[in-house]
Amino acid sequence: MTPPPALSFRIGRIVALLAVSTLGLPRALDAQAYTCDRAAQQLLSDSSSQHDLSNALAKIVDKCHENGAHVILELRRRAVPGSARDTLALQGLWAMADSRMADSLLALAGDPRQPMTDRLLYLRVLTHYADCDTYLDVSNGEHDGDTDAGVLSSVIDGCGIYNEQRYSDSDRARIRAGFAWIGTHDSDVKLARLARLAAQQLVSFAALRDSIRRERHRTPR
């Protein structure tokens, strides 16, 4: 199950609030009980409370990028669809900002052995990584006759309170290239078309943003 657009682009705020909730813990507890290894164990344990799961996810997203992608994807693999753990895993996917997560999701999105619902979810999350002010409308990829169909929409507050892209320019370029590869090579015609259109439109959006940024730098203050 994929989260609705209104939820998807506010998940970062949710996880940020979870992170804030851990600030009240004693320093010793944060240093010992919530090391990255401990957070991973908590997140993947069947006996963890909701409080422990929330704190563990906040730690993983904020500090544990070395193993964060693996832990969050493993949590989603184990979770019952629609369960609280599945929701936490989805929150982790949308909130993570690490090139290893982007690379993992690109590989999964391009893997025909993955369920189609998951592949579409990964394309949506990757679109958010590539441009946090955009949303991928997966239904638009179904209209075969319209070669110029718009599959991206702008969203409000997609980039959070700082209004900044969370992934580097090189990461975002690699995501666009990954979409283009899927668009050229995937055996599913509709998914390939969706990825191809998204790649083209992400490139256009990136060029427009670069042009606006250069213009602002040239404009005297």
N, C-alpha and C. Protein backbone atom coordinates (compact mmCIF):
# COMPACT_ATOMS: atom_id res chain seq x y z
N MET A 1 0.86 -1.19 0.00
CA MET A 1 0.00 0.00 0.00
C MET A 1 0.89 1.24 0.00
N THR A 2 0.58 2.21 -0.86
CA THR A 2 1.35 3.44 -0.90
C THR A 2 0.60 4.54 -0.18
N PRO A 3 1.31 5.43 0.52
CA PRO A 3 0.63 6.49 1.25
C PRO A 3 0.05 7.52 0.30
N PRO A 4 -1.08 8.17 0.64
CA PRO A 4 -1.64 9.21 -0.22
C PRO A 4 -0.70 10.39 -0.30
N PRO A 5 -0.81 11.21 -1.36
CA PRO A 5 0.12 12.33 -1.55
C PRO A 5 0.22 13.24 -0.35
N ALA A 6 -0.92 13.57 0.26
CA ALA A 6 -0.88 14.50 1.40
C ALA A 6 -0.07 13.95 2.54
N LEU A 7 -0.10 12.62 2.72
CA LEU A 7 0.68 12.00 3.79
C LEU A 7 2.13 11.85 3.38
N SER A 8 2.35 11.46 2.14
CA SER A 8 3.69 11.14 1.70
C SER A 8 4.67 12.27 1.94
N PHE A 9 4.25 13.50 1.65
CA PHE A 9 5.19 14.61 1.71
C PHE A 9 5.20 15.29 3.08
N ARG A 10 4.52 14.68 4.04
CA ARG A 10 4.60 15.16 5.42
C ARG A 10 5.23 14.14 6.33
N ILE A 11 5.64 13.02 5.77
CA ILE A 11 6.25 11.98 6.58
C ILE A 11 7.56 12.45 7.18
N GLY A 12 8.32 13.28 6.44
CA GLY A 12 9.55 13.81 7.00
C GLY A 12 9.31 14.57 8.28
N ARG A 13 8.20 15.31 8.31
CA ARG A 13 7.87 16.06 9.52
C ARG A 13 7.52 15.11 10.66
N ILE A 14 6.81 14.04 10.33
CA ILE A 14 6.43 13.07 11.35
C ILE A 14 7.68 12.48 11.99
N VAL A 15 8.61 12.04 11.14
CA VAL A 15 9.83 11.44 11.66
C VAL A 15 10.67 12.46 12.41
N ALA A 16 10.64 13.71 11.96
CA ALA A 16 11.36 14.75 12.69
C ALA A 16 10.79 14.91 14.10
N LEU A 17 9.47 14.84 14.20
CA LEU A 17 8.86 14.91 15.53
C LEU A 17 9.25 13.72 16.39
N LEU A 18 9.34 12.55 15.75
CA LEU A 18 9.79 11.37 16.49
C LEU A 18 11.20 11.58 17.02
N ALA A 19 12.03 12.20 16.19
CA ALA A 19 13.41 12.45 16.62
C ALA A 19 13.44 13.41 17.80
N VAL A 20 12.59 14.45 17.72
CA VAL A 20 12.55 15.41 18.82
C VAL A 20 12.13 14.73 20.11
N SER A 21 11.24 13.73 20.00
CA SER A 21 10.75 13.07 21.21
C SER A 21 11.85 12.33 21.94
N THR A 22 12.94 12.01 21.26
CA THR A 22 14.03 11.30 21.91
C THR A 22 15.01 12.23 22.60
N LEU A 23 14.87 13.54 22.39
CA LEU A 23 15.85 14.46 22.95
C LEU A 23 15.77 14.53 24.46
N GLY A 24 14.63 14.14 25.01
CA GLY A 24 14.49 14.19 26.44
C GLY A 24 15.13 13.02 27.15
N LEU A 25 15.59 12.01 26.42
CA LEU A 25 16.23 10.86 27.05
C LEU A 25 17.57 11.27 27.66
N PRO A 26 17.94 10.67 28.76
CA PRO A 26 19.25 10.96 29.34
C PRO A 26 20.36 10.67 28.34
N ARG A 27 21.44 11.39 28.43
CA ARG A 27 22.54 11.21 27.50
C ARG A 27 23.09 9.79 27.52
N ALA A 28 23.15 9.20 28.71
CA ALA A 28 23.69 7.84 28.80
C ALA A 28 22.82 6.86 28.04
N LEU A 29 21.49 7.03 28.15
CA LEU A 29 20.57 6.14 27.45
C LEU A 29 20.71 6.31 25.94
N ASP A 30 20.83 7.57 25.49
CA ASP A 30 20.97 7.82 24.06
C ASP A 30 22.26 7.22 23.54
N ALA A 31 23.32 7.29 24.33
CA ALA A 31 24.62 6.80 23.88
C ALA A 31 24.72 5.29 23.92
N GLN A 32 24.03 4.65 24.87
CA GLN A 32 24.16 3.21 25.04
C GLN A 32 22.98 2.45 24.42
N ALA A 33 21.77 2.73 24.90
CA ALA A 33 20.61 1.97 24.44
C ALA A 33 20.27 2.29 22.99
N TYR A 34 20.57 3.52 22.53
CA TYR A 34 20.20 3.90 21.19
C TYR A 34 21.42 4.13 20.29
N THR A 35 22.34 3.21 20.36
CA THR A 35 23.35 3.15 19.33
C THR A 35 22.67 2.67 18.05
N CYS A 36 23.35 2.77 16.93
CA CYS A 36 22.75 2.34 15.67
C CYS A 36 22.44 0.84 15.68
N ASP A 37 23.33 0.06 16.25
CA ASP A 37 23.07 -1.38 16.32
C ASP A 37 21.85 -1.67 17.18
N ARG A 38 21.75 -0.97 18.31
CA ARG A 38 20.61 -1.18 19.19
C ARG A 38 19.31 -0.74 18.52
N ALA A 39 19.37 0.39 17.80
CA ALA A 39 18.17 0.88 17.10
C ALA A 39 17.72 -0.13 16.04
N ALA A 40 18.67 -0.72 15.33
CA ALA A 40 18.33 -1.72 14.32
C ALA A 40 17.68 -2.94 14.97
N GLN A 41 18.24 -3.38 16.10
CA GLN A 41 17.66 -4.52 16.80
C GLN A 41 16.24 -4.23 17.27
N GLN A 42 16.05 -3.03 17.81
CA GLN A 42 14.71 -2.64 18.28
C GLN A 42 13.72 -2.62 17.13
N LEU A 43 14.15 -2.06 16.00
CA LEU A 43 13.23 -1.89 14.88
C LEU A 43 12.82 -3.22 14.27
N LEU A 44 13.70 -4.20 14.32
CA LEU A 44 13.43 -5.50 13.70
C LEU A 44 12.94 -6.55 14.70
N SER A 45 12.84 -6.17 15.96
CA SER A 45 12.39 -7.12 16.98
C SER A 45 10.87 -7.20 17.01
N ASP A 46 10.36 -8.41 17.12
CA ASP A 46 8.91 -8.60 17.21
C ASP A 46 8.34 -8.17 18.56
N SER A 47 9.19 -7.98 19.54
CA SER A 47 8.71 -7.67 20.90
C SER A 47 8.83 -6.19 21.26
N SER A 48 9.31 -5.35 20.34
CA SER A 48 9.47 -3.93 20.66
C SER A 48 8.12 -3.23 20.78
N SER A 49 8.04 -2.30 21.72
CA SER A 49 6.82 -1.51 21.88
C SER A 49 6.75 -0.45 20.79
N GLN A 50 5.59 0.17 20.64
CA GLN A 50 5.44 1.24 19.65
C GLN A 50 6.39 2.40 19.97
N HIS A 51 6.56 2.68 21.25
CA HIS A 51 7.48 3.74 21.66
C HIS A 51 8.91 3.41 21.24
N ASP A 52 9.33 2.17 21.47
CA ASP A 52 10.68 1.76 21.08
C ASP A 52 10.85 1.80 19.57
N LEU A 53 9.83 1.37 18.84
CA LEU A 53 9.91 1.37 17.38
C LEU A 53 10.05 2.79 16.85
N SER A 54 9.27 3.71 17.41
CA SER A 54 9.33 5.10 16.96
C SER A 54 10.69 5.72 17.23
N ASN A 55 11.22 5.50 18.43
CA ASN A 55 12.54 6.02 18.77
C ASN A 55 13.63 5.40 17.90
N ALA A 56 13.51 4.11 17.66
CA ALA A 56 14.50 3.42 16.84
C ALA A 56 14.48 3.94 15.40
N LEU A 57 13.29 4.17 14.85
CA LEU A 57 13.21 4.69 13.49
C LEU A 57 13.80 6.09 13.40
N ALA A 58 13.50 6.94 14.41
CA ALA A 58 14.07 8.28 14.42
C ALA A 58 15.60 8.24 14.43
N LYS A 59 16.16 7.34 15.22
CA LYS A 59 17.62 7.19 15.29
C LYS A 59 18.18 6.72 13.95
N ILE A 60 17.54 5.72 13.35
CA ILE A 60 18.03 5.17 12.08
C ILE A 60 18.02 6.23 10.99
N VAL A 61 16.90 6.96 10.89
CA VAL A 61 16.77 7.97 9.83
C VAL A 61 17.74 9.12 10.03
N ASP A 62 17.94 9.52 11.28
CA ASP A 62 18.74 10.71 11.56
C ASP A 62 20.24 10.43 11.61
N LYS A 63 20.65 9.27 12.15
CA LYS A 63 22.06 9.07 12.44
C LYS A 63 22.69 7.82 11.83
N CYS A 64 21.89 6.86 11.41
CA CYS A 64 22.45 5.54 11.08
C CYS A 64 22.41 5.25 9.59
N HIS A 65 23.04 6.08 8.81
CA HIS A 65 22.97 5.91 7.36
C HIS A 65 23.82 4.73 6.87
N GLU A 66 24.76 4.29 7.68
CA GLU A 66 25.61 3.17 7.27
C GLU A 66 24.77 1.92 7.00
N ASN A 67 23.79 1.66 7.88
CA ASN A 67 22.95 0.47 7.70
C ASN A 67 21.47 0.82 7.59
N GLY A 68 21.16 2.10 7.50
CA GLY A 68 19.77 2.53 7.52
C GLY A 68 18.93 1.96 6.39
N ALA A 69 19.45 1.99 5.16
CA ALA A 69 18.69 1.49 4.02
C ALA A 69 18.35 0.02 4.21
N HIS A 70 19.34 -0.77 4.62
CA HIS A 70 19.12 -2.20 4.81
C HIS A 70 18.06 -2.45 5.89
N VAL A 71 18.16 -1.74 7.01
CA VAL A 71 17.26 -1.97 8.14
C VAL A 71 15.82 -1.60 7.76
N ILE A 72 15.64 -0.45 7.13
CA ILE A 72 14.29 -0.01 6.78
C ILE A 72 13.66 -0.93 5.74
N LEU A 73 14.43 -1.33 4.74
CA LEU A 73 13.90 -2.24 3.73
C LEU A 73 13.60 -3.62 4.32
N GLU A 74 14.43 -4.05 5.26
CA GLU A 74 14.18 -5.34 5.91
C GLU A 74 12.92 -5.25 6.78
N LEU A 75 12.72 -4.12 7.45
CA LEU A 75 11.51 -3.93 8.24
C LEU A 75 10.28 -4.02 7.34
N ARG A 76 10.34 -3.40 6.19
CA ARG A 76 9.18 -3.46 5.29
C ARG A 76 8.97 -4.87 4.74
N ARG A 77 10.04 -5.58 4.48
CA ARG A 77 9.91 -6.95 3.96
C ARG A 77 9.22 -7.85 4.98
N ARG A 78 9.52 -7.64 6.26
CA ARG A 78 8.96 -8.49 7.31
C ARG A 78 7.55 -8.08 7.72
N ALA A 79 7.21 -6.82 7.51
CA ALA A 79 5.95 -6.29 8.05
C ALA A 79 4.74 -6.82 7.29
N VAL A 80 3.65 -6.99 8.01
CA VAL A 80 2.37 -7.31 7.38
C VAL A 80 1.86 -6.05 6.69
N PRO A 81 1.48 -6.13 5.40
CA PRO A 81 0.98 -4.93 4.70
C PRO A 81 -0.16 -4.25 5.46
N GLY A 82 -0.03 -2.95 5.62
CA GLY A 82 -1.05 -2.18 6.31
C GLY A 82 -0.90 -2.14 7.83
N SER A 83 0.08 -2.87 8.36
CA SER A 83 0.29 -2.89 9.81
C SER A 83 1.05 -1.65 10.26
N ALA A 84 1.16 -1.50 11.59
CA ALA A 84 1.90 -0.36 12.15
C ALA A 84 3.37 -0.41 11.73
N ARG A 85 3.93 -1.60 11.68
CA ARG A 85 5.32 -1.74 11.26
C ARG A 85 5.50 -1.38 9.78
N ASP A 86 4.52 -1.74 8.99
CA ASP A 86 4.57 -1.37 7.57
C ASP A 86 4.51 0.14 7.42
N THR A 87 3.67 0.79 8.22
CA THR A 87 3.58 2.25 8.19
C THR A 87 4.90 2.89 8.61
N LEU A 88 5.54 2.34 9.64
CA LEU A 88 6.85 2.85 10.06
C LEU A 88 7.88 2.70 8.95
N ALA A 89 7.86 1.55 8.28
CA ALA A 89 8.81 1.34 7.20
C ALA A 89 8.59 2.34 6.07
N LEU A 90 7.34 2.62 5.75
CA LEU A 90 7.03 3.62 4.72
C LEU A 90 7.51 5.00 5.14
N GLN A 91 7.30 5.33 6.41
CA GLN A 91 7.80 6.61 6.92
C GLN A 91 9.31 6.70 6.75
N GLY A 92 9.99 5.60 7.07
CA GLY A 92 11.44 5.58 6.92
C GLY A 92 11.88 5.78 5.48
N LEU A 93 11.16 5.14 4.55
CA LEU A 93 11.50 5.29 3.12
C LEU A 93 11.40 6.75 2.69
N TRP A 94 10.29 7.39 3.01
CA TRP A 94 10.08 8.76 2.57
C TRP A 94 11.02 9.74 3.26
N ALA A 95 11.39 9.46 4.51
CA ALA A 95 12.19 10.42 5.28
C ALA A 95 13.69 10.26 5.10
N MET A 96 14.15 9.10 4.66
CA MET A 96 15.58 8.84 4.57
C MET A 96 16.24 9.76 3.55
N ALA A 97 17.44 10.20 3.85
CA ALA A 97 18.21 11.02 2.91
C ALA A 97 19.63 10.48 2.86
N ASP A 98 19.82 9.45 2.05
CA ASP A 98 21.13 8.82 1.95
C ASP A 98 21.24 8.15 0.58
N SER A 99 22.38 8.31 -0.05
CA SER A 99 22.55 7.79 -1.41
C SER A 99 22.39 6.28 -1.48
N ARG A 100 22.71 5.59 -0.38
CA ARG A 100 22.56 4.13 -0.39
C ARG A 100 21.10 3.71 -0.47
N MET A 101 20.23 4.49 0.15
CA MET A 101 18.80 4.19 0.02
C MET A 101 18.34 4.44 -1.41
N ALA A 102 18.77 5.55 -1.99
CA ALA A 102 18.39 5.84 -3.37
C ALA A 102 18.86 4.73 -4.31
N ASP A 103 20.09 4.27 -4.14
CA ASP A 103 20.61 3.21 -5.00
C ASP A 103 19.83 1.91 -4.80
N SER A 104 19.49 1.60 -3.56
CA SER A 104 18.72 0.38 -3.27
C SER A 104 17.34 0.44 -3.92
N LEU A 105 16.68 1.59 -3.81
CA LEU A 105 15.35 1.71 -4.39
C LEU A 105 15.39 1.70 -5.91
N LEU A 106 16.43 2.27 -6.50
CA LEU A 106 16.58 2.20 -7.96
C LEU A 106 16.69 0.75 -8.42
N ALA A 107 17.48 -0.03 -7.68
CA ALA A 107 17.64 -1.45 -8.04
C ALA A 107 16.31 -2.19 -7.90
N LEU A 108 15.56 -1.92 -6.85
CA LEU A 108 14.29 -2.60 -6.64
C LEU A 108 13.24 -2.14 -7.65
N ALA A 109 13.22 -0.86 -7.97
CA ALA A 109 12.26 -0.35 -8.94
C ALA A 109 12.49 -0.96 -10.33
N GLY A 110 13.74 -1.26 -10.63
CA GLY A 110 14.07 -1.84 -11.93
C GLY A 110 14.06 -3.35 -11.96
N ASP A 111 13.65 -3.98 -10.87
CA ASP A 111 13.67 -5.44 -10.77
C ASP A 111 12.28 -6.00 -11.10
N PRO A 112 12.12 -6.68 -12.23
CA PRO A 112 10.79 -7.19 -12.61
C PRO A 112 10.26 -8.27 -11.67
N ARG A 113 11.11 -8.79 -10.79
CA ARG A 113 10.64 -9.80 -9.84
C ARG A 113 9.89 -9.18 -8.67
N GLN A 114 10.00 -7.89 -8.49
CA GLN A 114 9.30 -7.21 -7.40
C GLN A 114 7.82 -7.00 -7.78
N PRO A 115 6.92 -7.02 -6.78
CA PRO A 115 5.51 -6.74 -7.07
C PRO A 115 5.35 -5.37 -7.71
N MET A 116 4.42 -5.25 -8.64
CA MET A 116 4.24 -3.98 -9.34
C MET A 116 3.88 -2.85 -8.39
N THR A 117 3.07 -3.14 -7.36
CA THR A 117 2.73 -2.08 -6.41
C THR A 117 3.96 -1.54 -5.71
N ASP A 118 4.90 -2.41 -5.40
CA ASP A 118 6.14 -1.98 -4.76
C ASP A 118 6.99 -1.17 -5.72
N ARG A 119 7.08 -1.61 -6.96
CA ARG A 119 7.89 -0.88 -7.94
C ARG A 119 7.36 0.53 -8.15
N LEU A 120 6.05 0.67 -8.20
CA LEU A 120 5.45 2.00 -8.35
C LEU A 120 5.71 2.85 -7.11
N LEU A 121 5.63 2.24 -5.94
CA LEU A 121 5.95 2.97 -4.70
C LEU A 121 7.38 3.48 -4.75
N TYR A 122 8.32 2.63 -5.15
CA TYR A 122 9.72 3.04 -5.17
C TYR A 122 9.95 4.17 -6.17
N LEU A 123 9.26 4.14 -7.29
CA LEU A 123 9.38 5.24 -8.25
C LEU A 123 8.85 6.54 -7.63
N ARG A 124 7.78 6.45 -6.88
CA ARG A 124 7.23 7.65 -6.24
C ARG A 124 8.19 8.19 -5.19
N VAL A 125 8.75 7.32 -4.38
CA VAL A 125 9.70 7.78 -3.35
C VAL A 125 10.94 8.37 -4.01
N LEU A 126 11.44 7.71 -5.05
CA LEU A 126 12.62 8.21 -5.75
C LEU A 126 12.37 9.56 -6.40
N THR A 127 11.15 9.77 -6.88
CA THR A 127 10.81 11.09 -7.44
C THR A 127 10.93 12.16 -6.36
N HIS A 128 10.48 11.84 -5.16
CA HIS A 128 10.61 12.77 -4.04
C HIS A 128 12.09 13.02 -3.72
N TYR A 129 12.91 11.99 -3.79
CA TYR A 129 14.35 12.17 -3.59
C TYR A 129 14.94 13.08 -4.67
N ALA A 130 14.52 12.87 -5.90
CA ALA A 130 15.09 13.62 -7.03
C ALA A 130 14.64 15.07 -7.04
N ASP A 131 13.43 15.32 -6.55
CA ASP A 131 12.92 16.69 -6.47
C ASP A 131 11.82 16.70 -5.43
N CYS A 132 12.12 17.21 -4.26
CA CYS A 132 11.18 17.11 -3.14
C CYS A 132 9.95 17.98 -3.32
N ASP A 133 9.93 18.84 -4.34
CA ASP A 133 8.76 19.66 -4.61
C ASP A 133 7.82 19.03 -5.64
N THR A 134 8.06 17.76 -6.00
CA THR A 134 7.24 17.12 -7.01
C THR A 134 6.65 15.82 -6.49
N TYR A 135 5.57 15.42 -7.14
CA TYR A 135 4.86 14.19 -6.81
C TYR A 135 4.61 13.42 -8.10
N LEU A 136 4.89 12.12 -8.10
CA LEU A 136 4.70 11.29 -9.28
C LEU A 136 3.29 10.69 -9.26
N ASP A 137 2.51 11.04 -10.27
CA ASP A 137 1.17 10.49 -10.42
C ASP A 137 1.27 9.23 -11.27
N VAL A 138 1.25 8.09 -10.62
CA VAL A 138 1.48 6.84 -11.34
C VAL A 138 0.35 6.51 -12.30
N SER A 139 -0.85 7.07 -12.08
CA SER A 139 -1.97 6.77 -12.97
C SER A 139 -1.79 7.37 -14.35
N ASN A 140 -1.02 8.44 -14.47
CA ASN A 140 -0.84 9.09 -15.77
C ASN A 140 -0.01 8.26 -16.73
N GLY A 141 0.73 7.29 -16.21
CA GLY A 141 1.51 6.44 -17.10
C GLY A 141 0.67 5.44 -17.86
N GLU A 142 -0.63 5.38 -17.56
CA GLU A 142 -1.50 4.40 -18.19
C GLU A 142 -2.10 4.89 -19.49
N HIS A 143 -1.96 6.19 -19.78
CA HIS A 143 -2.59 6.73 -20.98
C HIS A 143 -1.61 6.63 -22.15
N ASP A 144 -1.69 5.51 -22.85
CA ASP A 144 -0.70 5.20 -23.87
C ASP A 144 -0.72 6.18 -25.04
N GLY A 145 -1.87 6.77 -25.32
CA GLY A 145 -1.95 7.60 -26.52
C GLY A 145 -1.33 8.97 -26.37
N ASP A 146 -1.13 9.42 -25.16
CA ASP A 146 -0.63 10.77 -24.92
C ASP A 146 0.86 10.70 -24.61
N THR A 147 1.68 10.94 -25.62
CA THR A 147 3.12 10.79 -25.44
C THR A 147 3.72 11.89 -24.58
N ASP A 148 3.00 13.00 -24.41
CA ASP A 148 3.52 14.12 -23.62
C ASP A 148 2.79 14.27 -22.29
N ALA A 149 2.20 13.19 -21.83
CA ALA A 149 1.44 13.27 -20.58
C ALA A 149 2.31 13.74 -19.43
N GLY A 150 1.76 14.65 -18.62
CA GLY A 150 2.48 15.09 -17.44
C GLY A 150 2.29 14.09 -16.32
N VAL A 151 3.37 13.58 -15.80
CA VAL A 151 3.27 12.60 -14.72
C VAL A 151 3.74 13.20 -13.40
N LEU A 152 4.27 14.41 -13.42
CA LEU A 152 4.72 15.07 -12.20
C LEU A 152 3.82 16.24 -11.85
N SER A 153 3.58 16.40 -10.57
CA SER A 153 2.81 17.54 -10.07
C SER A 153 3.62 18.23 -8.98
N SER A 154 3.39 19.52 -8.85
CA SER A 154 4.05 20.26 -7.77
C SER A 154 3.28 20.03 -6.47
N VAL A 155 4.01 20.05 -5.36
CA VAL A 155 3.40 19.89 -4.05
C VAL A 155 3.80 21.05 -3.16
N ILE A 156 3.00 21.30 -2.16
CA ILE A 156 3.26 22.37 -1.21
C ILE A 156 4.04 21.82 -0.02
N ASP A 157 5.09 22.50 0.35
CA ASP A 157 5.89 22.12 1.53
C ASP A 157 6.55 20.75 1.37
N GLY A 158 6.79 20.32 0.14
CA GLY A 158 7.42 19.02 -0.05
C GLY A 158 8.85 18.96 0.46
N CYS A 159 9.51 20.11 0.49
CA CYS A 159 10.92 20.15 0.89
C CYS A 159 11.11 20.51 2.35
N GLY A 160 10.03 20.63 3.10
CA GLY A 160 10.17 20.90 4.52
C GLY A 160 10.39 22.35 4.84
N ILE A 161 10.68 22.61 6.11
CA ILE A 161 10.75 23.99 6.59
C ILE A 161 11.93 24.77 6.01
N TYR A 162 12.99 24.07 5.59
CA TYR A 162 14.16 24.76 5.04
C TYR A 162 14.07 24.93 3.53
N ASN A 163 13.08 24.30 2.91
CA ASN A 163 12.86 24.41 1.47
C ASN A 163 14.13 24.11 0.67
N GLU A 164 14.80 23.02 1.04
CA GLU A 164 16.03 22.62 0.37
C GLU A 164 15.94 21.16 -0.06
N GLN A 165 16.58 20.85 -1.19
CA GLN A 165 16.68 19.47 -1.61
C GLN A 165 17.56 18.71 -0.63
N ARG A 166 17.14 17.50 -0.24
CA ARG A 166 17.88 16.74 0.76
C ARG A 166 18.95 15.84 0.13
N TYR A 167 18.85 15.61 -1.16
CA TYR A 167 19.84 14.79 -1.86
C TYR A 167 20.76 15.69 -2.68
N SER A 168 22.00 15.26 -2.84
CA SER A 168 22.98 16.04 -3.58
C SER A 168 22.62 16.09 -5.06
N ASP A 169 23.23 17.02 -5.78
CA ASP A 169 23.00 17.12 -7.22
C ASP A 169 23.39 15.82 -7.93
N SER A 170 24.49 15.22 -7.50
CA SER A 170 24.94 13.99 -8.16
C SER A 170 23.98 12.84 -7.87
N ASP A 171 23.46 12.74 -6.66
CA ASP A 171 22.47 11.71 -6.33
C ASP A 171 21.22 11.90 -7.18
N ARG A 172 20.77 13.12 -7.29
CA ARG A 172 19.54 13.40 -8.04
C ARG A 172 19.74 13.12 -9.53
N ALA A 173 20.92 13.43 -10.03
CA ALA A 173 21.20 13.13 -11.43
C ALA A 173 21.23 11.61 -11.66
N ARG A 174 21.75 10.88 -10.69
CA ARG A 174 21.81 9.42 -10.81
C ARG A 174 20.40 8.81 -10.78
N ILE A 175 19.53 9.40 -9.98
CA ILE A 175 18.14 8.93 -9.96
C ILE A 175 17.48 9.17 -11.31
N ARG A 176 17.68 10.35 -11.88
CA ARG A 176 17.09 10.64 -13.19
C ARG A 176 17.62 9.67 -14.24
N ALA A 177 18.92 9.39 -14.18
CA ALA A 177 19.50 8.43 -15.13
C ALA A 177 18.94 7.04 -14.92
N GLY A 178 18.70 6.67 -13.65
CA GLY A 178 18.10 5.37 -13.36
C GLY A 178 16.69 5.26 -13.91
N PHE A 179 15.93 6.33 -13.80
CA PHE A 179 14.59 6.35 -14.38
C PHE A 179 14.67 6.17 -15.90
N ALA A 180 15.60 6.88 -16.52
CA ALA A 180 15.74 6.78 -17.97
C ALA A 180 16.11 5.35 -18.38
N TRP A 181 16.97 4.70 -17.58
CA TRP A 181 17.35 3.32 -17.89
C TRP A 181 16.14 2.40 -17.80
N ILE A 182 15.35 2.55 -16.75
CA ILE A 182 14.14 1.74 -16.61
C ILE A 182 13.20 2.02 -17.78
N GLY A 183 13.10 3.28 -18.17
CA GLY A 183 12.22 3.65 -19.27
C GLY A 183 12.62 3.02 -20.59
N THR A 184 13.90 2.73 -20.73
CA THR A 184 14.40 2.14 -21.98
C THR A 184 14.40 0.63 -21.95
N HIS A 185 14.66 0.03 -20.78
CA HIS A 185 14.93 -1.41 -20.72
C HIS A 185 13.85 -2.26 -20.07
N ASP A 186 12.92 -1.65 -19.33
CA ASP A 186 11.98 -2.49 -18.59
C ASP A 186 10.99 -3.17 -19.53
N SER A 187 10.65 -4.41 -19.19
CA SER A 187 9.76 -5.20 -20.05
C SER A 187 8.29 -4.83 -19.87
N ASP A 188 7.96 -4.18 -18.74
CA ASP A 188 6.58 -3.74 -18.55
C ASP A 188 6.39 -2.39 -19.26
N VAL A 189 5.56 -2.38 -20.27
CA VAL A 189 5.45 -1.21 -21.14
C VAL A 189 4.97 0.02 -20.37
N LYS A 190 3.95 -0.16 -19.53
CA LYS A 190 3.39 0.98 -18.82
C LYS A 190 4.36 1.53 -17.78
N LEU A 191 5.03 0.66 -17.05
CA LEU A 191 5.99 1.14 -16.06
C LEU A 191 7.17 1.82 -16.75
N ALA A 192 7.62 1.24 -17.87
CA ALA A 192 8.73 1.85 -18.62
C ALA A 192 8.35 3.24 -19.11
N ARG A 193 7.13 3.37 -19.59
CA ARG A 193 6.68 4.68 -20.08
C ARG A 193 6.60 5.69 -18.94
N LEU A 194 6.08 5.25 -17.80
CA LEU A 194 5.99 6.14 -16.64
C LEU A 194 7.38 6.61 -16.22
N ALA A 195 8.34 5.69 -16.14
CA ALA A 195 9.70 6.05 -15.74
C ALA A 195 10.34 6.98 -16.77
N ARG A 196 10.11 6.70 -18.04
CA ARG A 196 10.70 7.53 -19.10
C ARG A 196 10.16 8.96 -19.04
N LEU A 197 8.84 9.10 -18.89
CA LEU A 197 8.25 10.44 -18.79
C LEU A 197 8.72 11.16 -17.54
N ALA A 198 8.81 10.43 -16.42
CA ALA A 198 9.28 11.04 -15.18
C ALA A 198 10.71 11.53 -15.33
N ALA A 199 11.56 10.73 -15.98
CA ALA A 199 12.95 11.13 -16.20
C ALA A 199 13.03 12.41 -17.01
N GLN A 200 12.27 12.47 -18.09
CA GLN A 200 12.29 13.65 -18.95
C GLN A 200 11.82 14.88 -18.21
N GLN A 201 10.75 14.73 -17.44
CA GLN A 201 10.20 15.88 -16.74
C GLN A 201 11.05 16.29 -15.55
N LEU A 202 11.69 15.33 -14.89
CA LEU A 202 12.62 15.69 -13.82
C LEU A 202 13.82 16.47 -14.35
N VAL A 203 14.30 16.08 -15.53
CA VAL A 203 15.40 16.82 -16.16
C VAL A 203 14.96 18.25 -16.46
N SER A 204 13.74 18.41 -16.99
CA SER A 204 13.23 19.75 -17.30
C SER A 204 13.08 20.58 -16.03
N PHE A 205 12.56 19.96 -14.98
CA PHE A 205 12.39 20.67 -13.71
C PHE A 205 13.75 21.10 -13.16
N ALA A 206 14.74 20.21 -13.23
CA ALA A 206 16.07 20.52 -12.72
C ALA A 206 16.70 21.67 -13.50
N ALA A 207 16.53 21.66 -14.83
CA ALA A 207 17.08 22.73 -15.66
C ALA A 207 16.42 24.06 -15.34
N LEU A 208 15.10 24.03 -15.10
CA LEU A 208 14.38 25.26 -14.76
C LEU A 208 14.86 25.81 -13.42
N ARG A 209 15.05 24.92 -12.44
CA ARG A 209 15.51 25.37 -11.13
C ARG A 209 16.93 25.95 -11.22
N ASP A 210 17.79 25.31 -12.02
CA ASP A 210 19.14 25.82 -12.19
C ASP A 210 19.12 27.20 -12.84
N SER A 211 18.24 27.38 -13.82
CA SER A 211 18.13 28.67 -14.50
C SER A 211 17.67 29.75 -13.52
N ILE A 212 16.69 29.41 -12.70
CA ILE A 212 16.20 30.38 -11.71
C ILE A 212 17.29 30.72 -10.69
N ARG A 213 18.04 29.70 -10.28
CA ARG A 213 19.11 29.92 -9.31
C ARG A 213 20.20 30.82 -9.90
N ARG A 214 20.57 30.58 -11.16
CA ARG A 214 21.60 31.42 -11.79
C ARG A 214 21.11 32.85 -11.94
N GLU A 215 19.83 33.01 -12.28
CA GLU A 215 19.27 34.34 -12.46
C GLU A 215 19.27 35.11 -11.13
N ARG A 216 18.97 34.41 -10.06
CA ARG A 216 18.98 35.06 -8.74
C ARG A 216 20.38 35.52 -8.37
N HIS A 217 21.38 34.72 -8.73
CA HIS A 217 22.77 35.09 -8.41
C HIS A 217 23.22 36.30 -9.24
N ARG A 218 22.67 36.44 -10.45
CA ARG A 218 23.07 37.57 -11.29
C ARG A 218 22.35 38.86 -10.92
N THR A 219 21.17 38.72 -10.30
CA THR A 219 20.36 39.89 -9.98
C THR A 219 21.00 40.66 -8.84
N PRO A 220 21.31 41.98 -9.04
CA PRO A 220 21.90 42.76 -7.95
C PRO A 220 20.90 42.95 -6.84
N ARG A 221 21.41 42.95 -5.63
CA ARG A 221 20.55 43.12 -4.45
C ARG A 221 20.54 44.58 -4.01
